[in-house]
Amino acid sequence: QIESIPNGLFACQFGFESALEHLQFGDRLDQNFLLSYSYLLPAGEAALTHWRSLWKKGGRTFKWKIGVTSPEEEINIFQQLVTILPETAKLRLDANGGLNLEDAKTWLNITDRTNLVEFVEQPLSPQQFDRILELSKNYRTAIALDESVANLVQLENCYQKGWRGIYVIKPGIFGSPQKLRDFCQQTHIDVVFSS
């Protein structure tokens, strides 16, 4: 019955299939994974101080939303942030598809000059996939897809179009965990799981 849940009801597919797997395998599902976490920083200047409390709790990778205020203001805050973060910290910038092409290029030029930025997540809207693909070839900073790969159909489509960068997957809305697992094992894609 779970396999007959139609596409479009992705959260239902995920929920029922996950529950069944938990009943079948229990806690053994979690034993093979060493997880590391990324901690969300608040937007704006609050990021300049908030990271410290997360660092004290063991956080070493931080995610910061961009495209929230003006590019000039965010770039100024970013430049301050990268000077105060420890060298071992990693920073992920998430634009949620909200940048235009010129702003994306500006950000990537800046991030290419720092070793702290792990990747820029979804700089342009999913409708601009070809431009995102081109950006990924022209800059050293990695780019990750997020809103472009919200379900298996979109994931397969981006892969078929040549995306070999990072995929940010939200399992709770993605659909079948087994189909996702099969795809990941067949293609060996670079995946970040997000809540």
C-alpha atoms as a PDB file:
ATOM      1  CA  GLN A   1       0.000   0.000   0.000  1.00  0.00           C
ATOM      2  CA  ILE A   2       2.839   2.422   0.776  1.00  0.00           C
ATOM      3  CA  GLU A   3       4.268   1.995  -2.717  1.00  0.00           C
ATOM      4  CA  SER A   4       0.908   3.043  -4.172  1.00  0.00           C
ATOM      5  CA  ILE A   5       1.026   6.507  -2.537  1.00  0.00           C
ATOM      6  CA  PRO A   6       1.045   8.816  -5.590  1.00  0.00           C
ATOM      7  CA  ASN A   7       3.755  11.311  -6.458  1.00  0.00           C
ATOM      8  CA  GLY A   8       2.685  14.686  -5.241  1.00  0.00           C
ATOM      9  CA  LEU A   9       2.138  13.301  -1.737  1.00  0.00           C
ATOM     10  CA  PHE A  10       5.874  13.301  -1.057  1.00  0.00           C
ATOM     11  CA  ALA A  11       5.668  13.909   2.685  1.00  0.00           C
ATOM     12  CA  CYS A  12       3.205  11.011   2.995  1.00  0.00           C
ATOM     13  CA  GLN A  13       5.554   8.741   1.028  1.00  0.00           C
ATOM     14  CA  PHE A  14       8.405   9.711   3.320  1.00  0.00           C
ATOM     15  CA  GLY A  15       6.417   9.419   6.547  1.00  0.00           C
ATOM     16  CA  PHE A  16       4.805   6.041   5.944  1.00  0.00           C
ATOM     17  CA  GLU A  17       7.905   4.459   4.428  1.00  0.00           C
ATOM     18  CA  SER A  18      10.116   5.762   7.255  1.00  0.00           C
ATOM     19  CA  ALA A  19       7.689   4.426   9.848  1.00  0.00           C
ATOM     20  CA  LEU A  20       7.691   1.005   8.175  1.00  0.00           C
ATOM     21  CA  GLU A  21      11.498   0.935   8.033  1.00  0.00           C
ATOM     22  CA  HIS A  22      11.665   1.879  11.701  1.00  0.00           C
ATOM     23  CA  LEU A  23       9.290  -0.955  12.577  1.00  0.00           C
ATOM     24  CA  GLN A  24      11.353  -3.398  10.500  1.00  0.00           C
ATOM     25  CA  PHE A  25      14.855  -2.311  11.488  1.00  0.00           C
ATOM     26  CA  GLY A  26      14.504  -0.150  14.596  1.00  0.00           C
ATOM     27  CA  ASP A  27      17.605   1.652  15.789  1.00  0.00           C
ATOM     28  CA  ARG A  28      19.908  -0.373  13.502  1.00  0.00           C
ATOM     29  CA  LEU A  29      19.140   2.169  10.751  1.00  0.00           C
ATOM     30  CA  ASP A  30      21.121   4.863  12.562  1.00  0.00           C
ATOM     31  CA  GLN A  31      24.202   2.869  13.544  1.00  0.00           C
ATOM     32  CA  ASN A  32      26.138   3.218  10.293  1.00  0.00           C
ATOM     33  CA  PHE A  33      26.220   7.003  10.102  1.00  0.00           C
ATOM     34  CA  LEU A  34      28.635   9.526  11.513  1.00  0.00           C
ATOM     35  CA  LEU A  35      26.710  12.774  11.341  1.00  0.00           C
ATOM     36  CA  SER A  36      27.995  16.308  11.372  1.00  0.00           C
ATOM     37  CA  TYR A  37      25.702  19.278  11.644  1.00  0.00           C
ATOM     38  CA  SER A  38      25.468  22.756  10.227  1.00  0.00           C
ATOM     39  CA  TYR A  39      24.067  25.424  12.535  1.00  0.00           C
ATOM     40  CA  LEU A  40      21.873  28.230  11.215  1.00  0.00           C
ATOM     41  CA  LEU A  41      23.071  31.731  11.997  1.00  0.00           C
ATOM     42  CA  PRO A  42      20.572  34.580  12.234  1.00  0.00           C
ATOM     43  CA  ALA A  43      20.336  36.950   9.301  1.00  0.00           C
ATOM     44  CA  GLY A  44      22.092  40.284   9.433  1.00  0.00           C
ATOM     45  CA  GLU A  45      24.548  41.561  12.013  1.00  0.00           C
ATOM     46  CA  ALA A  46      23.356  39.145  14.704  1.00  0.00           C
ATOM     47  CA  ALA A  47      25.465  36.491  12.957  1.00  0.00           C
ATOM     48  CA  LEU A  48      28.604  38.343  14.049  1.00  0.00           C
ATOM     49  CA  THR A  49      28.041  37.388  17.680  1.00  0.00           C
ATOM     50  CA  HIS A  50      25.646  34.427  17.604  1.00  0.00           C
ATOM     51  CA  TRP A  51      28.209  32.006  16.126  1.00  0.00           C
ATOM     52  CA  ARG A  52      30.220  32.114  19.368  1.00  0.00           C
ATOM     53  CA  SER A  53      27.562  30.342  21.468  1.00  0.00           C
ATOM     54  CA  LEU A  54      27.211  27.664  18.775  1.00  0.00           C
ATOM     55  CA  TRP A  55      30.995  27.250  18.633  1.00  0.00           C
ATOM     56  CA  LYS A  56      31.103  26.666  22.403  1.00  0.00           C
ATOM     57  CA  LYS A  57      28.542  23.868  21.911  1.00  0.00           C
ATOM     58  CA  GLY A  58      30.722  22.186  19.295  1.00  0.00           C
ATOM     59  CA  GLY A  59      29.367  23.770  16.114  1.00  0.00           C
ATOM     60  CA  ARG A  60      32.006  24.063  13.419  1.00  0.00           C
ATOM     61  CA  THR A  61      29.890  24.508  10.296  1.00  0.00           C
ATOM     62  CA  PHE A  62      27.464  27.410   9.995  1.00  0.00           C
ATOM     63  CA  LYS A  63      24.759  28.310   7.505  1.00  0.00           C
ATOM     64  CA  TRP A  64      23.930  31.935   6.820  1.00  0.00           C
ATOM     65  CA  LYS A  65      21.022  33.168   4.703  1.00  0.00           C
ATOM     66  CA  ILE A  66      21.879  35.737   2.042  1.00  0.00           C
ATOM     67  CA  GLY A  67      19.593  37.662  -0.270  1.00  0.00           C
ATOM     68  CA  VAL A  68      17.628  38.860   2.755  1.00  0.00           C
ATOM     69  CA  THR A  69      18.810  42.493   2.769  1.00  0.00           C
ATOM     70  CA  SER A  70      20.854  44.542   0.321  1.00  0.00           C
ATOM     71  CA  PRO A  71      23.923  42.839  -1.194  1.00  0.00           C
ATOM     72  CA  GLU A  72      26.159  45.675   0.025  1.00  0.00           C
ATOM     73  CA  GLU A  73      25.006  45.268   3.615  1.00  0.00           C
ATOM     74  CA  GLU A  74      25.327  41.477   3.552  1.00  0.00           C
ATOM     75  CA  ILE A  75      28.744  41.540   1.911  1.00  0.00           C
ATOM     76  CA  ASN A  76      29.950  43.954   4.582  1.00  0.00           C
ATOM     77  CA  ILE A  77      28.689  41.622   7.330  1.00  0.00           C
ATOM     78  CA  PHE A  78      30.146  38.599   5.521  1.00  0.00           C
ATOM     79  CA  GLN A  79      33.588  40.219   5.321  1.00  0.00           C
ATOM     80  CA  GLN A  80      33.484  40.898   9.052  1.00  0.00           C
ATOM     81  CA  LEU A  81      32.266  37.375   9.767  1.00  0.00           C
ATOM     82  CA  VAL A  82      35.054  35.633   7.871  1.00  0.00           C
ATOM     83  CA  THR A  83      37.667  37.659   9.739  1.00  0.00           C
ATOM     84  CA  ILE A  84      36.345  36.657  13.174  1.00  0.00           C
ATOM     85  CA  LEU A  85      35.455  33.003  12.533  1.00  0.00           C
ATOM     86  CA  PRO A  86      38.207  30.540  13.469  1.00  0.00           C
ATOM     87  CA  GLU A  87      40.189  29.097  10.537  1.00  0.00           C
ATOM     88  CA  THR A  88      38.691  25.656  11.153  1.00  0.00           C
ATOM     89  CA  ALA A  89      35.123  26.925  10.779  1.00  0.00           C
ATOM     90  CA  LYS A  90      33.121  26.315   7.604  1.00  0.00           C
ATOM     91  CA  LEU A  91      30.408  28.590   6.299  1.00  0.00           C
ATOM     92  CA  ARG A  92      27.546  27.747   3.956  1.00  0.00           C
ATOM     93  CA  LEU A  93      25.719  30.634   2.281  1.00  0.00           C
ATOM     94  CA  ASP A  94      22.077  29.977   1.392  1.00  0.00           C
ATOM     95  CA  ALA A  95      20.392  32.309  -1.078  1.00  0.00           C
ATOM     96  CA  ASN A  96      17.166  30.281  -1.412  1.00  0.00           C
ATOM     97  CA  GLY A  97      17.164  31.130  -5.133  1.00  0.00           C
ATOM     98  CA  GLY A  98      16.864  34.820  -4.325  1.00  0.00           C
ATOM     99  CA  LEU A  99      19.872  36.326  -6.091  1.00  0.00           C
ATOM    100  CA  ASN A 100      19.976  37.725  -9.590  1.00  0.00           C
ATOM    101  CA  LEU A 101      22.801  36.654 -11.885  1.00  0.00           C
ATOM    102  CA  GLU A 102      25.005  39.695 -11.212  1.00  0.00           C
ATOM    103  CA  ASP A 103      24.656  39.384  -7.428  1.00  0.00           C
ATOM    104  CA  ALA A 104      25.436  35.668  -7.651  1.00  0.00           C
ATOM    105  CA  LYS A 105      28.617  36.428  -9.595  1.00  0.00           C
ATOM    106  CA  THR A 106      29.578  39.092  -7.052  1.00  0.00           C
ATOM    107  CA  TRP A 107      29.112  36.658  -4.159  1.00  0.00           C
ATOM    108  CA  LEU A 108      31.050  33.898  -5.925  1.00  0.00           C
ATOM    109  CA  ASN A 109      33.937  36.264  -6.700  1.00  0.00           C
ATOM    110  CA  ILE A 110      34.087  37.145  -3.009  1.00  0.00           C
ATOM    111  CA  THR A 111      33.738  33.571  -1.719  1.00  0.00           C
ATOM    112  CA  ASP A 112      36.442  32.382  -4.090  1.00  0.00           C
ATOM    113  CA  ARG A 113      38.861  34.540  -2.083  1.00  0.00           C
ATOM    114  CA  THR A 114      38.168  32.798   1.235  1.00  0.00           C
ATOM    115  CA  ASN A 115      38.729  29.243   2.391  1.00  0.00           C
ATOM    116  CA  LEU A 116      35.843  29.326   4.881  1.00  0.00           C
ATOM    117  CA  VAL A 117      32.936  28.997   2.422  1.00  0.00           C
ATOM    118  CA  GLU A 118      32.041  25.358   1.884  1.00  0.00           C
ATOM    119  CA  PHE A 119      29.366  26.167  -0.716  1.00  0.00           C
ATOM    120  CA  VAL A 120      26.752  28.651  -1.893  1.00  0.00           C
ATOM    121  CA  GLU A 121      23.327  27.059  -1.819  1.00  0.00           C
ATOM    122  CA  GLN A 122      20.802  27.702  -4.609  1.00  0.00           C
ATOM    123  CA  PRO A 123      22.049  31.142  -5.711  1.00  0.00           C
ATOM    124  CA  LEU A 124      19.435  31.467  -8.488  1.00  0.00           C
ATOM    125  CA  SER A 125      15.876  30.228  -8.854  1.00  0.00           C
ATOM    126  CA  PRO A 126      15.280  26.641 -10.052  1.00  0.00           C
ATOM    127  CA  GLN A 127      14.066  28.048 -13.384  1.00  0.00           C
ATOM    128  CA  GLN A 128      17.621  29.279 -13.992  1.00  0.00           C
ATOM    129  CA  PHE A 129      19.230  25.839 -13.795  1.00  0.00           C
ATOM    130  CA  ASP A 130      21.376  26.379 -16.909  1.00  0.00           C
ATOM    131  CA  ARG A 131      22.840  29.560 -15.410  1.00  0.00           C
ATOM    132  CA  ILE A 132      23.538  27.798 -12.096  1.00  0.00           C
ATOM    133  CA  LEU A 133      25.291  25.029 -14.010  1.00  0.00           C
ATOM    134  CA  GLU A 134      27.393  27.614 -15.848  1.00  0.00           C
ATOM    135  CA  LEU A 135      28.276  29.381 -12.586  1.00  0.00           C
ATOM    136  CA  SER A 136      29.418  26.071 -11.106  1.00  0.00           C
ATOM    137  CA  LYS A 137      31.925  25.720 -13.935  1.00  0.00           C
ATOM    138  CA  ASN A 138      33.304  29.257 -13.656  1.00  0.00           C
ATOM    139  CA  TYR A 139      33.965  29.598  -9.929  1.00  0.00           C
ATOM    140  CA  ARG A 140      36.053  27.704  -7.395  1.00  0.00           C
ATOM    141  CA  THR A 141      33.405  27.927  -4.662  1.00  0.00           C
ATOM    142  CA  ALA A 142      31.095  24.923  -4.789  1.00  0.00           C
ATOM    143  CA  ILE A 143      27.420  25.485  -5.513  1.00  0.00           C
ATOM    144  CA  ALA A 144      24.654  23.343  -4.063  1.00  0.00           C
ATOM    145  CA  LEU A 145      21.150  22.800  -5.415  1.00  0.00           C
ATOM    146  CA  ASP A 146      18.270  22.887  -2.931  1.00  0.00           C
ATOM    147  CA  GLU A 147      14.941  24.193  -4.212  1.00  0.00           C
ATOM    148  CA  SER A 148      15.838  22.693  -7.606  1.00  0.00           C
ATOM    149  CA  VAL A 149      15.797  19.163  -6.153  1.00  0.00           C
ATOM    150  CA  ALA A 150      12.755  19.048  -3.877  1.00  0.00           C
ATOM    151  CA  ASN A 151      11.683  15.583  -5.068  1.00  0.00           C
ATOM    152  CA  LEU A 152      12.982  12.566  -6.996  1.00  0.00           C
ATOM    153  CA  VAL A 153      11.702  13.768 -10.377  1.00  0.00           C
ATOM    154  CA  GLN A 154      13.570  17.065  -9.982  1.00  0.00           C
ATOM    155  CA  LEU A 155      16.676  15.310  -8.654  1.00  0.00           C
ATOM    156  CA  GLU A 156      16.784  12.919 -11.613  1.00  0.00           C
ATOM    157  CA  ASN A 157      16.182  15.799 -14.021  1.00  0.00           C
ATOM    158  CA  CYS A 158      19.068  17.881 -12.662  1.00  0.00           C
ATOM    159  CA  TYR A 159      21.354  14.851 -12.686  1.00  0.00           C
ATOM    160  CA  GLN A 160      20.412  14.050 -16.303  1.00  0.00           C
ATOM    161  CA  LYS A 161      21.131  17.672 -17.257  1.00  0.00           C
ATOM    162  CA  GLY A 162      24.674  17.266 -15.947  1.00  0.00           C
ATOM    163  CA  TRP A 163      24.654  18.497 -12.354  1.00  0.00           C
ATOM    164  CA  ARG A 164      27.527  16.860 -10.487  1.00  0.00           C
ATOM    165  CA  GLY A 165      27.762  19.331  -7.647  1.00  0.00           C
ATOM    166  CA  ILE A 166      26.181  19.160  -4.215  1.00  0.00           C
ATOM    167  CA  TYR A 167      22.526  18.286  -3.692  1.00  0.00           C
ATOM    168  CA  VAL A 168      20.727  19.546  -0.571  1.00  0.00           C
ATOM    169  CA  ILE A 169      17.869  17.147   0.131  1.00  0.00           C
ATOM    170  CA  LYS A 170      15.010  17.685   2.574  1.00  0.00           C
ATOM    171  CA  PRO A 171      13.951  14.060   3.191  1.00  0.00           C
ATOM    172  CA  GLY A 172      10.725  14.958   4.998  1.00  0.00           C
ATOM    173  CA  ILE A 173       9.247  16.457   1.828  1.00  0.00           C
ATOM    174  CA  PHE A 174      11.270  14.551  -0.768  1.00  0.00           C
ATOM    175  CA  GLY A 175       9.288  11.320  -1.054  1.00  0.00           C
ATOM    176  CA  SER A 176      10.352   7.695  -0.825  1.00  0.00           C
ATOM    177  CA  PRO A 177      13.489   7.172   1.287  1.00  0.00           C
ATOM    178  CA  GLN A 178      14.159   3.878  -0.500  1.00  0.00           C
ATOM    179  CA  LYS A 179      14.032   5.463  -3.964  1.00  0.00           C
ATOM    180  CA  LEU A 180      16.312   8.250  -2.761  1.00  0.00           C
ATOM    181  CA  ARG A 181      18.690   5.709  -1.216  1.00  0.00           C
ATOM    182  CA  ASP A 182      18.737   3.694  -4.469  1.00  0.00           C
ATOM    183  CA  PHE A 183      19.442   6.804  -6.555  1.00  0.00           C
ATOM    184  CA  CYS A 184      22.262   7.917  -4.252  1.00  0.00           C
ATOM    185  CA  GLN A 185      23.871   4.470  -4.305  1.00  0.00           C
ATOM    186  CA  GLN A 186      23.635   4.221  -8.097  1.00  0.00           C
ATOM    187  CA  THR A 187      24.988   7.693  -8.850  1.00  0.00           C
ATOM    188  CA  HIS A 188      27.262   8.387  -5.817  1.00  0.00           C
ATOM    189  CA  ILE A 189      26.079  12.013  -5.705  1.00  0.00           C
ATOM    190  CA  ASP A 190      27.309  14.440  -3.044  1.00  0.00           C
ATOM    191  CA  VAL A 191      24.349  14.908  -0.690  1.00  0.00           C
ATOM    192  CA  VAL A 192      23.670  17.166   2.261  1.00  0.00           C
ATOM    193  CA  PHE A 193      20.516  16.312   4.198  1.00  0.00           C
ATOM    194  CA  SER A 194      18.571  19.232   5.595  1.00  0.00           C
ATOM    195  CA  SER A 195      15.580  19.684   7.827  1.00  0.00           C
END
